[in-house]
Protein backbone atom coordinates (compact mmCIF):
# COMPACT_ATOMS: atom_id res chain seq x y z
CA MET A 1 105.23 89.74 118.81
CA LEU A 2 103.85 93.23 118.17
CA PRO A 3 105.78 95.84 116.22
CA ALA A 4 107.42 98.37 118.55
CA ASN A 5 104.88 101.15 117.95
CA LEU A 6 101.87 98.87 118.63
CA SER A 7 103.50 97.53 121.78
CA ILE A 8 104.04 101.10 123.00
CA MET A 9 100.41 101.96 122.26
CA LYS A 10 99.16 98.87 124.15
CA THR A 11 101.32 99.74 127.16
CA THR A 12 100.05 103.34 127.09
CA ILE A 13 96.42 102.25 127.13
CA LEU A 14 97.03 99.78 129.97
CA LEU A 15 98.79 102.48 132.01
CA PHE A 16 95.88 104.85 131.46
CA PHE A 17 93.34 102.33 132.72
CA ALA A 18 95.53 101.45 135.69
CA MET A 19 95.93 105.10 136.70
CA CYS A 20 92.26 105.94 136.30
CA GLY A 21 91.06 102.87 138.17
CA ALA A 22 89.26 101.12 135.33
CA GLY A 23 86.98 98.42 136.71
CA LYS A 24 87.06 99.90 140.22
CA PRO A 25 85.36 102.84 141.84
CA ASN A 26 87.26 105.84 140.51
CA HIS A 27 88.93 107.82 143.29
CA PHE A 28 90.16 110.53 140.90
CA PRO A 29 87.99 113.22 139.34
CA ILE A 30 87.54 112.64 135.61
CA ILE A 31 89.65 115.73 134.75
CA PHE A 32 92.75 114.03 136.18
CA CYS A 33 92.14 110.99 133.98
CA TYR A 34 91.95 113.22 130.90
CA MET A 35 95.14 115.00 131.91
CA LYS A 36 96.86 111.66 132.38
CA LEU A 37 95.54 110.49 129.02
CA ASN A 38 96.99 113.60 127.34
CA ILE A 39 100.37 113.02 128.96
CA LEU A 40 100.35 109.37 127.94
CA LEU A 41 99.24 110.23 124.42
CA ILE A 42 102.06 112.75 124.02
CA THR A 43 104.53 110.18 125.40
CA TRP A 44 103.26 107.58 122.94
CA LEU A 45 103.56 110.00 120.02
CA VAL A 46 107.15 110.85 120.93
CA LEU A 47 108.09 107.18 121.33
CA HIS A 48 106.27 106.26 118.13
CA ALA A 49 108.10 108.97 116.19
CA SER A 50 111.45 107.72 117.46
CA CYS A 51 110.60 104.13 116.43
CA VAL A 52 109.55 105.21 112.93
CA GLY A 53 112.73 107.29 112.57
CA THR A 54 114.85 104.29 113.54
CA GLN A 55 113.11 102.04 111.04
CA MET A 56 113.59 104.62 108.30
CA LYS A 57 117.31 105.05 108.99
CA GLN A 58 117.87 101.30 108.79
CA THR A 59 116.07 101.08 105.45
CA LYS A 60 117.55 104.19 103.80
CA ASN A 61 121.14 103.11 104.41
CA ASP A 62 120.60 100.13 102.11
CA TYR A 63 120.30 102.39 99.03
CA LYS A 64 123.73 103.50 97.80
CA LYS A 65 123.51 103.60 93.99
CA CYS A 66 123.46 107.39 93.58
CA SER A 67 126.60 109.37 92.89
CA GLU A 68 124.79 112.63 93.81
CA THR A 69 121.55 113.48 95.60
CA LEU A 70 119.57 116.58 94.65
CA HIS A 71 118.80 118.88 97.62
CA PRO A 72 116.33 121.69 96.91
CA LEU A 73 117.33 123.85 99.87
CA SER A 74 121.08 123.79 99.33
CA GLN A 75 121.93 122.63 95.81
CA MET A 76 120.06 123.72 92.69
CA ALA A 77 122.83 122.74 90.25
CA ILE A 78 125.02 119.68 90.05
CA THR A 79 127.76 118.40 87.77
CA VAL A 80 127.92 114.68 87.07
CA ALA A 81 129.98 112.43 84.85
CA LYS A 82 128.60 110.60 81.85
CA ASN A 83 126.73 107.41 82.93
CA ASP A 84 126.48 108.58 86.57
CA VAL A 85 123.20 108.00 88.37
CA PHE A 86 121.93 110.84 90.57
CA CYS A 87 118.83 110.88 92.78
CA TYR A 88 116.12 112.86 94.46
CA GLU A 89 114.47 111.65 97.67
CA GLY A 90 110.97 112.76 98.62
CA THR A 91 108.15 111.76 100.92
CA VAL A 92 105.12 109.98 99.49
CA HIS A 93 101.94 108.87 101.23
CA ALA A 94 99.49 107.56 98.63
CA SER A 95 96.55 107.06 100.98
CA VAL A 96 96.75 110.76 101.91
CA GLY A 97 97.43 111.96 98.35
CA ILE A 98 101.09 112.98 98.73
CA ALA A 99 103.25 112.10 95.72
CA ILE A 100 106.27 113.31 93.76
CA GLY A 101 106.75 113.64 90.02
CA TYR A 102 109.42 114.85 87.62
CA GLU A 103 110.03 116.45 84.23
CA ILE A 104 113.25 116.30 82.24
CA LYS A 105 113.90 119.13 79.81
CA ASN A 106 116.14 117.09 77.48
CA ASN A 107 115.85 113.29 77.60
CA GLU A 108 118.86 112.87 75.33
CA ILE A 109 121.20 114.22 78.04
CA VAL A 110 119.51 112.78 81.15
CA LYS A 111 116.97 109.98 81.38
CA PHE A 112 114.82 108.61 84.17
CA HIS A 113 116.60 105.47 85.36
CA HIS A 114 114.33 103.93 88.02
CA ASP A 115 112.54 104.63 91.28
CA GLU A 116 112.52 102.89 94.62
CA THR A 117 110.00 103.16 97.43
CA LEU A 118 111.22 102.64 101.00
CA TYR A 119 108.21 102.16 103.29
CA LYS A 120 108.51 103.39 106.85
CA ASN A 121 106.43 100.55 108.27
CA LYS A 122 106.53 97.44 106.07
CA GLU A 123 105.05 95.21 108.77
CA ALA A 124 101.89 97.32 109.08
CA ILE A 125 101.43 97.23 105.31
CA LYS A 126 101.78 93.43 105.32
CA LYS A 127 99.09 93.27 108.01
CA GLY A 128 96.79 95.45 105.90
CA VAL A 129 96.79 98.49 108.18
CA THR A 130 95.23 101.34 106.22
CA GLY A 131 97.21 104.56 106.00
CA ALA A 132 100.52 102.81 106.73
CA ASP A 133 101.92 103.51 103.28
CA GLU A 134 104.07 106.54 104.15
CA ALA A 135 107.44 106.15 102.47
CA THR A 136 110.50 107.78 101.00
CA LYS A 137 110.52 107.58 97.22
CA ILE A 138 113.84 107.76 95.45
CA LEU A 139 113.83 108.95 91.85
CA ALA A 140 117.04 107.97 90.05
CA PHE A 141 118.23 109.64 86.85
CA GLN A 142 121.13 108.71 84.58
CA ALA A 143 123.45 111.09 82.72
CA LEU A 144 123.71 109.89 79.11
CA ILE A 145 125.80 112.37 77.10
CA ILE A 146 127.78 115.55 77.73
CA GLY A 147 125.60 118.67 77.93
CA GLU A 148 123.28 120.67 80.15
CA THR A 149 119.62 120.16 80.97
CA GLU A 150 117.11 120.71 83.74
CA VAL A 151 115.22 118.28 85.92
CA THR A 152 112.11 119.60 87.67
CA ILE A 153 110.80 117.75 90.72
CA GLN A 154 107.17 118.29 91.66
CA GLU A 155 105.69 117.73 95.11
CA VAL A 156 102.04 116.84 94.57
CA PHE A 157 99.14 116.85 97.03
CA ARG A 158 95.90 115.24 95.85
CA GLY A 159 96.71 115.76 92.19
CA GLU A 160 97.79 119.41 92.53
CA VAL A 161 101.44 120.49 92.27
CA ARG A 162 102.15 122.28 95.55
CA GLN A 163 105.90 122.87 95.13
CA SER A 164 108.38 122.40 92.34
CA TYR A 165 112.17 122.58 92.23
CA THR A 166 114.20 122.96 89.03
CA PHE A 167 117.75 121.65 89.10
CA LYS A 168 120.39 122.49 86.49
CA ILE A 169 122.26 119.31 85.52
CA THR A 170 125.63 119.55 83.80
CA VAL A 171 127.08 116.34 82.38
CA LYS A 172 130.86 116.38 81.76
C-alpha cells in the first residue's frame, strides 16, 4: 500500500494521461493538456499538504511533557516553577539546511533537558526518499533553581543565523 501522498500523485498522473489521450491520437491541442496538468498539479499539492498536516497533528499530540511552550510572536517572557520543563517547537529540514539552536544565559538556573524530533513523513524516510526529513524539533529546558535568566532560540539556514528570539525565564 502506498502512503497517501504517493497514492494521490499516482492518481493525478493517471488522470493527466487519461485526459490528454496518452497512447492514442491526441484530439486536444497541447495547450489544453498543459492547462490540465497545472490544474492537476495544484490539486495534488493541496491534497498533499492536507495529508502532511494530518500526519503532523497525529504525531505532535503524543508529546505532552512541557508545562509551558515558548511562542516568539506572543510570549517573550514566562514564569515557571522549579523543576518544570518548558519547550520551544521549531521546524527543521536538515537536507535543506534549516535547523534551530539555543543559548542559555545562566545554566545554573535553566538547563537544556532534551530534544525530540517529530518527522512529518516517517514512512518516506524509512524508504530512503531524499529530502523527506522535514520535521518539528522540540527543545526542552528544565528550571533548576529560583532566579531569572534568558534563553535565546536561533533559527539557522545553511549555517547562518537568520532569526533569533530571546525569552526571559523567571523561575519561582
